[in-house]
């Protein structure tokens, strides 16, 4: 029982970070949290002169944790933000995909960025604790 409890603690610590991945075909390797937030709020769509497509996770818990830590918005604030953007006709929220769909897309498209707690094919450009 003690071993199972210890394993649970270590596994929760190991997966407590969120890793930001960019497709391996992309040469962009530097990004900070503000640039990342601007990409996901679609205030910008380029990074170092390259058009980047942000992809959201369908994992609701991960999605909420990411937006709370990076964008500094609660789910209700985020919903209000996107409702205003859609109403104005300006922007649409990032597409939400499963991990499998993200892997498939990263093989086809050069410039996507996403977040996960588990490794994907690509470059880790930022780790959020």
Protein backbone atom coordinates (compact mmCIF):
# COMPACT_ATOMS: atom_id res chain seq x y z
CA UNK A 1 0.00 0.00 0.00
CA UNK A 2 2.84 2.36 0.89
CA UNK A 3 4.48 1.66 -2.49
CA UNK A 4 1.27 2.49 -4.37
CA UNK A 5 0.87 5.76 -2.46
CA UNK A 6 4.51 6.72 -3.14
CA UNK A 7 4.08 5.87 -6.82
CA UNK A 8 0.95 8.04 -7.00
CA UNK A 9 2.79 11.01 -5.47
CA UNK A 10 5.74 10.72 -7.84
CA UNK A 11 3.52 10.26 -10.87
CA UNK A 12 1.47 13.33 -9.95
CA UNK A 13 4.67 15.35 -9.58
CA UNK A 14 6.01 14.06 -12.87
CA UNK A 15 2.90 15.18 -14.73
CA UNK A 16 2.29 18.44 -12.90
CA UNK A 17 4.10 20.47 -15.56
CA UNK A 18 2.53 21.49 -18.84
CA UNK A 19 4.86 21.29 -21.83
CA UNK A 20 4.39 23.55 -24.83
CA UNK A 21 5.22 21.79 -28.09
CA UNK A 22 5.80 23.18 -31.53
CA UNK A 23 5.83 20.86 -34.54
CA UNK A 24 9.30 19.42 -35.17
CA UNK A 25 9.42 20.86 -38.69
CA UNK A 26 9.33 24.40 -37.30
CA UNK A 27 12.57 26.23 -36.60
CA UNK A 28 11.07 28.58 -33.99
CA UNK A 29 12.40 27.65 -30.57
CA UNK A 30 11.92 30.65 -28.29
CA UNK A 31 8.62 31.75 -26.81
CA UNK A 32 7.63 33.34 -23.55
CA UNK A 33 4.35 33.13 -21.65
CA UNK A 34 3.06 36.49 -22.93
CA UNK A 35 3.68 35.52 -26.57
CA UNK A 36 2.00 32.20 -25.92
CA UNK A 37 -1.06 33.87 -24.38
CA UNK A 38 -1.29 36.24 -27.36
CA UNK A 39 -1.17 33.30 -29.78
CA UNK A 40 -3.95 31.46 -27.96
CA UNK A 41 -6.12 34.58 -27.68
CA UNK A 42 -5.38 35.17 -31.36
CA UNK A 43 -4.08 38.66 -30.72
CA UNK A 44 -1.20 37.61 -32.97
CA UNK A 45 -0.73 34.72 -35.34
CA UNK A 46 3.00 34.89 -35.95
CA UNK A 47 6.07 34.01 -33.98
CA UNK A 48 9.46 35.14 -35.28
CA UNK A 49 7.82 35.91 -38.62
CA UNK A 50 6.27 32.45 -39.00
CA UNK A 51 2.49 32.01 -38.99
CA UNK A 52 1.63 29.65 -36.10
CA UNK A 53 -1.65 27.81 -35.55
CA UNK A 54 -2.47 27.22 -31.87
CA UNK A 55 -4.24 23.96 -31.04
CA UNK A 56 -6.19 23.38 -27.83
CA UNK A 57 -6.51 20.08 -26.01
CA UNK A 58 -9.87 18.33 -25.76
CA UNK A 59 -8.82 17.25 -22.25
CA UNK A 60 -11.02 19.65 -20.24
CA UNK A 61 -8.87 19.58 -17.09
CA UNK A 62 -5.66 20.29 -19.02
CA UNK A 63 -7.44 22.96 -21.09
CA UNK A 64 -8.60 24.80 -17.98
CA UNK A 65 -5.23 24.51 -16.24
CA UNK A 66 -3.41 25.86 -19.30
CA UNK A 67 -5.69 28.89 -19.64
CA UNK A 68 -5.58 29.61 -15.92
CA UNK A 69 -1.76 29.54 -15.84
CA UNK A 70 -0.92 31.16 -19.17
CA UNK A 71 -3.84 33.32 -20.24
CA UNK A 72 -4.89 34.10 -16.66
CA UNK A 73 -8.59 33.59 -17.46
CA UNK A 74 -11.18 31.39 -15.80
CA UNK A 75 -13.46 29.25 -18.00
CA UNK A 76 -16.26 31.83 -17.75
CA UNK A 77 -13.91 34.72 -18.62
CA UNK A 78 -12.57 32.76 -21.56
CA UNK A 79 -16.06 31.98 -22.81
CA UNK A 80 -17.00 35.67 -22.55
CA UNK A 81 -13.84 36.67 -24.44
CA UNK A 82 -14.55 34.28 -27.32
CA UNK A 83 -18.22 35.21 -27.43
CA UNK A 84 -17.22 38.86 -27.94
CA UNK A 85 -14.63 37.98 -30.59
CA UNK A 86 -17.04 35.76 -32.51
CA UNK A 87 -19.83 38.37 -32.28
CA UNK A 88 -17.50 41.06 -33.67
CA UNK A 89 -16.57 38.67 -36.48
CA UNK A 90 -12.89 39.02 -35.65
CA UNK A 91 -11.68 35.63 -34.54
CA UNK A 92 -12.54 32.04 -33.75
CA UNK A 93 -11.08 30.13 -30.78
CA UNK A 94 -8.30 27.61 -31.45
CA UNK A 95 -9.42 24.21 -32.66
CA UNK A 96 -9.73 21.59 -29.89
CA UNK A 97 -8.26 18.20 -30.74
CA UNK A 98 -7.45 14.93 -29.04
CA UNK A 99 -3.83 13.91 -28.52
CA UNK A 100 -4.08 11.50 -31.46
CA UNK A 101 -5.48 14.20 -33.75
CA UNK A 102 -2.72 16.59 -32.66
CA UNK A 103 -0.02 14.00 -33.47
CA UNK A 104 -1.58 13.44 -36.90
CA UNK A 105 -1.80 17.17 -37.60
CA UNK A 106 1.78 17.86 -36.46
CA UNK A 107 3.04 15.41 -39.10
CA UNK A 108 1.16 17.26 -41.85
CA UNK A 109 1.51 20.90 -40.84
CA UNK A 110 4.71 22.75 -40.15
CA UNK A 111 3.56 25.49 -37.84
CA UNK A 112 1.33 24.30 -35.02
CA UNK A 113 1.76 24.83 -31.32
CA UNK A 114 0.02 22.93 -28.55
CA UNK A 115 0.33 21.94 -24.92
CA UNK A 116 0.32 18.61 -23.12
CA UNK A 117 1.39 16.83 -19.99
CA UNK A 118 2.64 13.83 -21.95
CA UNK A 119 5.36 13.78 -24.62
CA UNK A 120 4.49 14.39 -28.26
CA UNK A 121 6.60 14.44 -31.41
CA UNK A 122 8.00 17.92 -31.65
CA UNK A 123 10.13 20.40 -29.76
CA UNK A 124 9.38 21.47 -26.23
CA UNK A 125 9.67 25.26 -26.31
CA UNK A 126 8.39 26.07 -22.81
CA UNK A 127 7.54 24.21 -19.62
CA UNK A 128 4.97 25.67 -17.22
CA UNK A 129 4.90 24.65 -13.61
